[in-house]
Amino acid sequence: PVSGYPWQDDDISDIMFITTFFCWH
């Protein structure tokens, strides 16, 4: 991860931003 901190499986914000990153792609 670019931030140096692992993504959290139990954080809904991380899950939602994955889809956002996909749309950016």
PDB file of all heavy atoms in Angstrom:
ATOM      1  N   PRO A   1       0.833  -1.219   0.000  1.00  0.00           N
ATOM      2  CA  PRO A   1       0.000   0.000   0.000  1.00  0.00           C
ATOM      3  C   PRO A   1       0.856   1.252   0.000  1.00  0.00           C
ATOM      4  O   PRO A   1       1.904   1.314   0.663  1.00  0.00           O
ATOM      5  CB  PRO A   1      -0.820  -0.140   1.281  1.00  0.00           C
ATOM      6  CG  PRO A   1      -0.074  -1.112   2.130  1.00  0.00           C
ATOM      7  CD  PRO A   1       0.634  -2.042   1.197  1.00  0.00           C
ATOM      8  N   VAL A   2       0.423   2.241  -0.777  1.00  0.00           N
ATOM      9  CA  VAL A   2       1.191   3.470  -0.923  1.00  0.00           C
ATOM     10  C   VAL A   2       1.324   4.195   0.411  1.00  0.00           C
ATOM     11  O   VAL A   2       2.363   4.805   0.713  1.00  0.00           O
ATOM     12  CB  VAL A   2       0.530   4.373  -1.981  1.00  0.00           C
ATOM     13  CG1 VAL A   2       1.297   5.688  -2.136  1.00  0.00           C
ATOM     14  CG2 VAL A   2       0.466   3.654  -3.326  1.00  0.00           C
ATOM     15  N   SER A   3       0.296   4.133   1.255  1.00  0.00           N
ATOM     16  CA  SER A   3       0.322   4.830   2.539  1.00  0.00           C
ATOM     17  C   SER A   3       1.265   4.173   3.545  1.00  0.00           C
ATOM     18  O   SER A   3       1.634   4.796   4.546  1.00  0.00           O
ATOM     19  CB  SER A   3      -1.088   4.892   3.133  1.00  0.00           C
ATOM     20  OG  SER A   3      -1.565   3.584   3.417  1.00  0.00           O
ATOM     21  N   GLY A   4       1.650   2.930   3.275  1.00  0.00           N
ATOM     22  CA  GLY A   4       2.487   2.206   4.225  1.00  0.00           C
ATOM     23  C   GLY A   4       1.698   1.445   5.270  1.00  0.00           C
ATOM     24  O   GLY A   4       2.286   0.687   6.050  1.00  0.00           O
ATOM     25  N   TYR A   5       0.381   1.613   5.275  1.00  0.00           N
ATOM     26  CA  TYR A   5      -0.485   0.917   6.236  1.00  0.00           C
ATOM     27  C   TYR A   5      -1.409  -0.024   5.472  1.00  0.00           C
ATOM     28  O   TYR A   5      -1.971   0.350   4.436  1.00  0.00           O
ATOM     29  CB  TYR A   5      -1.315   1.916   7.040  1.00  0.00           C
ATOM     30  CG  TYR A   5      -0.479   2.848   7.886  1.00  0.00           C
ATOM     31  CD1 TYR A   5      -0.124   4.111   7.416  1.00  0.00           C
ATOM     32  CD2 TYR A   5      -0.043   2.457   9.152  1.00  0.00           C
ATOM     33  CE1 TYR A   5       0.659   4.968   8.186  1.00  0.00           C
ATOM     34  CE2 TYR A   5       0.734   3.306   9.927  1.00  0.00           C
ATOM     35  CZ  TYR A   5       1.078   4.555   9.439  1.00  0.00           C
ATOM     36  OH  TYR A   5       1.853   5.398  10.205  1.00  0.00           O
ATOM     37  N   PRO A   6      -1.583  -1.240   5.958  1.00  0.00           N
ATOM     38  CA  PRO A   6      -2.426  -2.195   5.233  1.00  0.00           C
ATOM     39  C   PRO A   6      -3.893  -1.776   5.242  1.00  0.00           C
ATOM     40  O   PRO A   6      -4.365  -1.113   6.168  1.00  0.00           O
ATOM     41  CB  PRO A   6      -2.217  -3.509   6.014  1.00  0.00           C
ATOM     42  CG  PRO A   6      -1.798  -3.069   7.379  1.00  0.00           C
ATOM     43  CD  PRO A   6      -1.017  -1.814   7.201  1.00  0.00           C
ATOM     44  N   TRP A   7      -4.601  -2.162   4.169  1.00  0.00           N
ATOM     45  CA  TRP A   7      -6.036  -1.907   4.092  1.00  0.00           C
ATOM     46  C   TRP A   7      -6.756  -2.811   5.095  1.00  0.00           C
ATOM     47  O   TRP A   7      -6.354  -3.953   5.329  1.00  0.00           O
ATOM     48  CB  TRP A   7      -6.543  -2.194   2.685  1.00  0.00           C
ATOM     49  CG  TRP A   7      -6.045  -1.206   1.654  1.00  0.00           C
ATOM     50  CD1 TRP A   7      -4.762  -0.895   1.349  1.00  0.00           C
ATOM     51  CD2 TRP A   7      -6.857  -0.404   0.803  1.00  0.00           C
ATOM     52  NE1 TRP A   7      -4.694   0.039   0.368  1.00  0.00           N
ATOM     53  CE2 TRP A   7      -5.975   0.369  -0.006  1.00  0.00           C
ATOM     54  CE3 TRP A   7      -8.224  -0.248   0.617  1.00  0.00           C
ATOM     55  CZ2 TRP A   7      -6.422   1.269  -0.965  1.00  0.00           C
ATOM     56  CZ3 TRP A   7      -8.677   0.643  -0.348  1.00  0.00           C
ATOM     57  CH2 TRP A   7      -7.798   1.393  -1.119  1.00  0.00           C
ATOM     58  N   GLN A   8      -7.850  -2.310   5.659  1.00  0.00           N
ATOM     59  CA  GLN A   8      -8.579  -3.017   6.705  1.00  0.00           C
ATOM     60  C   GLN A   8      -9.803  -3.720   6.123  1.00  0.00           C
ATOM     61  O   GLN A   8     -10.627  -3.098   5.448  1.00  0.00           O
ATOM     62  CB  GLN A   8      -9.011  -2.042   7.807  1.00  0.00           C
ATOM     63  CG  GLN A   8      -7.854  -1.306   8.460  1.00  0.00           C
ATOM     64  CD  GLN A   8      -6.880  -2.254   9.139  1.00  0.00           C
ATOM     65  OE1 GLN A   8      -7.286  -3.236   9.779  1.00  0.00           O
ATOM     66  NE2 GLN A   8      -5.582  -1.963   9.013  1.00  0.00           N
ATOM     67  N   ASP A   9      -9.890  -5.031   6.399  1.00  0.00           N
ATOM     68  CA  ASP A   9     -11.019  -5.790   5.873  1.00  0.00           C
ATOM     69  C   ASP A   9     -12.346  -5.406   6.525  1.00  0.00           C
ATOM     70  O   ASP A   9     -13.408  -5.555   5.911  1.00  0.00           O
ATOM     71  CB  ASP A   9     -10.778  -7.291   6.080  1.00  0.00           C
ATOM     72  CG  ASP A   9      -9.630  -7.805   5.218  1.00  0.00           C
ATOM     73  OD1 ASP A   9      -9.368  -7.188   4.164  1.00  0.00           O
ATOM     74  OD2 ASP A   9      -9.006  -8.823   5.594  1.00  0.00           O
ATOM     75  N   ASP A  10     -12.297  -4.930   7.757  1.00  0.00           N
ATOM     76  CA  ASP A  10     -13.533  -4.604   8.474  1.00  0.00           C
ATOM     77  C   ASP A  10     -13.904  -3.122   8.369  1.00  0.00           C
ATOM     78  O   ASP A  10     -14.845  -2.682   9.031  1.00  0.00           O
ATOM     79  CB  ASP A  10     -13.395  -4.987   9.949  1.00  0.00           C
ATOM     80  CG  ASP A  10     -12.175  -4.339  10.603  1.00  0.00           C
ATOM     81  OD1 ASP A  10     -11.374  -3.704   9.873  1.00  0.00           O
ATOM     82  OD2 ASP A  10     -12.024  -4.494  11.832  1.00  0.00           O
ATOM     83  N   ASP A  11     -13.188  -2.377   7.533  1.00  0.00           N
ATOM     84  CA  ASP A  11     -13.495  -0.954   7.352  1.00  0.00           C
ATOM     85  C   ASP A  11     -14.283  -0.789   6.060  1.00  0.00           C
ATOM     86  O   ASP A  11     -13.778  -1.041   4.958  1.00  0.00           O
ATOM     87  CB  ASP A  11     -12.199  -0.146   7.296  1.00  0.00           C
ATOM     88  CG  ASP A  11     -12.455   1.357   7.368  1.00  0.00           C
ATOM     89  OD1 ASP A  11     -13.623   1.776   7.183  1.00  0.00           O
ATOM     90  OD2 ASP A  11     -11.488   2.115   7.601  1.00  0.00           O
ATOM     91  N   ILE A  12     -15.538  -0.368   6.192  1.00  0.00           N
ATOM     92  CA  ILE A  12     -16.392  -0.234   5.017  1.00  0.00           C
ATOM     93  C   ILE A  12     -15.885   0.841   4.066  1.00  0.00           C
ATOM     94  O   ILE A  12     -16.098   0.759   2.854  1.00  0.00           O
ATOM     95  CB  ILE A  12     -17.852   0.063   5.462  1.00  0.00           C
ATOM     96  CG1 ILE A  12     -18.814  -0.072   4.269  1.00  0.00           C
ATOM     97  CG2 ILE A  12     -17.939   1.418   6.093  1.00  0.00           C
ATOM     98  CD1 ILE A  12     -18.874  -1.429   3.663  1.00  0.00           C
ATOM     99  N   SER A  13     -15.186   1.839   4.587  1.00  0.00           N
ATOM    100  CA  SER A  13     -14.631   2.890   3.728  1.00  0.00           C
ATOM    101  C   SER A  13     -13.579   2.330   2.784  1.00  0.00           C
ATOM    102  O   SER A  13     -13.522   2.702   1.601  1.00  0.00           O
ATOM    103  CB  SER A  13     -14.027   4.013   4.587  1.00  0.00           C
ATOM    104  OG  SER A  13     -15.004   4.619   5.394  1.00  0.00           O
ATOM    105  N   ASP A  14     -12.732   1.432   3.273  1.00  0.00           N
ATOM    106  CA  ASP A  14     -11.730   0.814   2.407  1.00  0.00           C
ATOM    107  C   ASP A  14     -12.391  -0.007   1.306  1.00  0.00           C
ATOM    108  O   ASP A  14     -11.954   0.023   0.144  1.00  0.00           O
ATOM    109  CB  ASP A  14     -10.809  -0.077   3.240  1.00  0.00           C
ATOM    110  CG  ASP A  14      -9.855   0.736   4.107  1.00  0.00           C
ATOM    111  OD1 ASP A  14      -9.918   1.979   4.043  1.00  0.00           O
ATOM    112  OD2 ASP A  14      -9.060   0.129   4.848  1.00  0.00           O
ATOM    113  N   ILE A  15     -13.433  -0.747   1.650  1.00  0.00           N
ATOM    114  CA  ILE A  15     -14.135  -1.567   0.652  1.00  0.00           C
ATOM    115  C   ILE A  15     -14.763  -0.679  -0.413  1.00  0.00           C
ATOM    116  O   ILE A  15     -14.692  -0.970  -1.620  1.00  0.00           O
ATOM    117  CB  ILE A  15     -15.196  -2.443   1.335  1.00  0.00           C
ATOM    118  CG1 ILE A  15     -14.567  -3.310   2.441  1.00  0.00           C
ATOM    119  CG2 ILE A  15     -15.891  -3.315   0.303  1.00  0.00           C
ATOM    120  CD1 ILE A  15     -13.539  -4.285   1.943  1.00  0.00           C
ATOM    121  N   MET A  16     -15.374   0.438   0.000  1.00  0.00           N
ATOM    122  CA  MET A  16     -16.023   1.322  -0.964  1.00  0.00           C
ATOM    123  C   MET A  16     -15.011   2.017  -1.860  1.00  0.00           C
ATOM    124  O   MET A  16     -15.249   2.197  -3.064  1.00  0.00           O
ATOM    125  CB  MET A  16     -16.872   2.357  -0.217  1.00  0.00           C
ATOM    126  CG  MET A  16     -18.067   1.769   0.514  1.00  0.00           C
ATOM    127  SD  MET A  16     -18.977   3.012   1.462  1.00  0.00           S
ATOM    128  CE  MET A  16     -19.558   4.085   0.147  1.00  0.00           C
ATOM    129  N   PHE A  17     -13.860   2.381  -1.320  1.00  0.00           N
ATOM    130  CA  PHE A  17     -12.871   3.082  -2.129  1.00  0.00           C
ATOM    131  C   PHE A  17     -12.211   2.160  -3.153  1.00  0.00           C
ATOM    132  O   PHE A  17     -11.672   2.640  -4.153  1.00  0.00           O
ATOM    133  CB  PHE A  17     -11.815   3.735  -1.228  1.00  0.00           C
ATOM    134  CG  PHE A  17     -12.064   5.193  -1.007  1.00  0.00           C
ATOM    135  CD1 PHE A  17     -12.685   5.623   0.157  1.00  0.00           C
ATOM    136  CD2 PHE A  17     -11.694   6.126  -1.966  1.00  0.00           C
ATOM    137  CE1 PHE A  17     -12.930   6.965   0.365  1.00  0.00           C
ATOM    138  CE2 PHE A  17     -11.929   7.468  -1.769  1.00  0.00           C
ATOM    139  CZ  PHE A  17     -12.553   7.895  -0.596  1.00  0.00           C
ATOM    140  N   ILE A  18     -12.242   0.859  -2.924  1.00  0.00           N
ATOM    141  CA  ILE A  18     -11.723  -0.066  -3.942  1.00  0.00           C
ATOM    142  C   ILE A  18     -12.540   0.058  -5.216  1.00  0.00           C
ATOM    143  O   ILE A  18     -12.003   0.127  -6.331  1.00  0.00           O
ATOM    144  CB  ILE A  18     -11.743  -1.501  -3.391  1.00  0.00           C
ATOM    145  CG1 ILE A  18     -10.672  -1.674  -2.317  1.00  0.00           C
ATOM    146  CG2 ILE A  18     -11.517  -2.511  -4.513  1.00  0.00           C
ATOM    147  CD1 ILE A  18     -10.688  -3.020  -1.649  1.00  0.00           C
ATOM    148  N   THR A  19     -13.865   0.103  -5.066  1.00  0.00           N
ATOM    149  CA  THR A  19     -14.726   0.289  -6.239  1.00  0.00           C
ATOM    150  C   THR A  19     -14.502   1.649  -6.872  1.00  0.00           C
ATOM    151  O   THR A  19     -14.527   1.791  -8.102  1.00  0.00           O
ATOM    152  CB  THR A  19     -16.197   0.115  -5.833  1.00  0.00           C
ATOM    153  OG1 THR A  19     -16.368  -1.139  -5.169  1.00  0.00           O
ATOM    154  CG2 THR A  19     -17.096   0.169  -7.053  1.00  0.00           C
ATOM    155  N   THR A  20     -14.271   2.671  -6.052  1.00  0.00           N
ATOM    156  CA  THR A  20     -13.984   4.006  -6.591  1.00  0.00           C
ATOM    157  C   THR A  20     -12.694   3.994  -7.407  1.00  0.00           C
ATOM    158  O   THR A  20     -12.636   4.568  -8.504  1.00  0.00           O
ATOM    159  CB  THR A  20     -13.866   5.020  -5.451  1.00  0.00           C
ATOM    160  OG1 THR A  20     -15.083   5.014  -4.690  1.00  0.00           O
ATOM    161  CG2 THR A  20     -13.623   6.419  -5.998  1.00  0.00           C
ATOM    162  N   PHE A  21     -11.650   3.340  -6.896  1.00  0.00           N
ATOM    163  CA  PHE A  21     -10.394   3.236  -7.640  1.00  0.00           C
ATOM    164  C   PHE A  21     -10.595   2.492  -8.959  1.00  0.00           C
ATOM    165  O   PHE A  21     -10.001   2.838  -9.986  1.00  0.00           O
ATOM    166  CB  PHE A  21      -9.332   2.529  -6.803  1.00  0.00           C
ATOM    167  CG  PHE A  21      -8.793   3.364  -5.678  1.00  0.00           C
ATOM    168  CD1 PHE A  21      -8.134   2.774  -4.612  1.00  0.00           C
ATOM    169  CD2 PHE A  21      -8.936   4.744  -5.678  1.00  0.00           C
ATOM    170  CE1 PHE A  21      -7.634   3.547  -3.577  1.00  0.00           C
ATOM    171  CE2 PHE A  21      -8.433   5.522  -4.650  1.00  0.00           C
ATOM    172  CZ  PHE A  21      -7.786   4.923  -3.589  1.00  0.00           C
ATOM    173  N   PHE A  22     -11.439   1.467  -8.937  1.00  0.00           N
ATOM    174  CA  PHE A  22     -11.725   0.721 -10.158  1.00  0.00           C
ATOM    175  C   PHE A  22     -12.381   1.621 -11.208  1.00  0.00           C
ATOM    176  O   PHE A  22     -12.035   1.556 -12.398  1.00  0.00           O
ATOM    177  CB  PHE A  22     -12.624  -0.474  -9.838  1.00  0.00           C
ATOM    178  CG  PHE A  22     -12.941  -1.342 -11.022  1.00  0.00           C
ATOM    179  CD1 PHE A  22     -12.040  -2.306 -11.445  1.00  0.00           C
ATOM    180  CD2 PHE A  22     -14.140  -1.205 -11.711  1.00  0.00           C
ATOM    181  CE1 PHE A  22     -12.324  -3.111 -12.539  1.00  0.00           C
ATOM    182  CE2 PHE A  22     -14.430  -2.000 -12.805  1.00  0.00           C
ATOM    183  CZ  PHE A  22     -13.520  -2.956 -13.217  1.00  0.00           C
ATOM    184  N   CYS A  23     -13.309   2.450 -10.784  1.00  0.00           N
ATOM    185  CA  CYS A  23     -13.957   3.388 -11.715  1.00  0.00           C
ATOM    186  C   CYS A  23     -12.948   4.404 -12.259  1.00  0.00           C
ATOM    187  O   CYS A  23     -13.029   4.811 -13.424  1.00  0.00           O
ATOM    188  CB  CYS A  23     -15.110   4.107 -11.023  1.00  0.00           C
ATOM    189  SG  CYS A  23     -16.481   3.022 -10.548  1.00  0.00           S
ATOM    190  N   TRP A  24     -11.995   4.805 -11.430  1.00  0.00           N
ATOM    191  CA  TRP A  24     -10.932   5.701 -11.920  1.00  0.00           C
ATOM    192  C   TRP A  24     -10.105   5.007 -12.993  1.00  0.00           C
ATOM    193  O   TRP A  24      -9.688   5.636 -13.970  1.00  0.00           O
ATOM    194  CB  TRP A  24     -10.040   6.134 -10.761  1.00  0.00           C
ATOM    195  CG  TRP A  24     -10.721   7.080  -9.809  1.00  0.00           C
ATOM    196  CD1 TRP A  24     -11.976   7.617  -9.930  1.00  0.00           C
ATOM    197  CD2 TRP A  24     -10.186   7.601  -8.587  1.00  0.00           C
ATOM    198  NE1 TRP A  24     -12.264   8.434  -8.865  1.00  0.00           N
ATOM    199  CE2 TRP A  24     -11.179   8.448  -8.018  1.00  0.00           C
ATOM    200  CE3 TRP A  24      -8.985   7.428  -7.907  1.00  0.00           C
ATOM    201  CZ2 TRP A  24     -10.987   9.125  -6.819  1.00  0.00           C
ATOM    202  CZ3 TRP A  24      -8.793   8.102  -6.700  1.00  0.00           C
ATOM    203  CH2 TRP A  24      -9.781   8.940  -6.166  1.00  0.00           C
ATOM    204  N   HIS A  25      -9.853   3.719 -12.826  1.00  0.00           N
ATOM    205  CA  HIS A  25      -9.127   2.968 -13.849  1.00  0.00           C
ATOM    206  C   HIS A  25      -9.915   2.931 -15.157  1.00  0.00           C
ATOM    207  O   HIS A  25      -9.323   2.985 -16.246  1.00  0.00           O
ATOM    208  CB  HIS A  25      -8.849   1.543 -13.361  1.00  0.00           C
ATOM    209  CG  HIS A  25      -7.642   1.425 -12.487  1.00  0.00           C
ATOM    210  ND1 HIS A  25      -6.433   0.963 -12.958  1.00  0.00           N
ATOM    211  CD2 HIS A  25      -7.445   1.713 -11.183  1.00  0.00           C
ATOM    212  CE1 HIS A  25      -5.542   0.964 -11.971  1.00  0.00           C
ATOM    213  NE2 HIS A  25      -6.141   1.412 -10.878  1.00  0.00           N
TER     214      HIS A  25
END
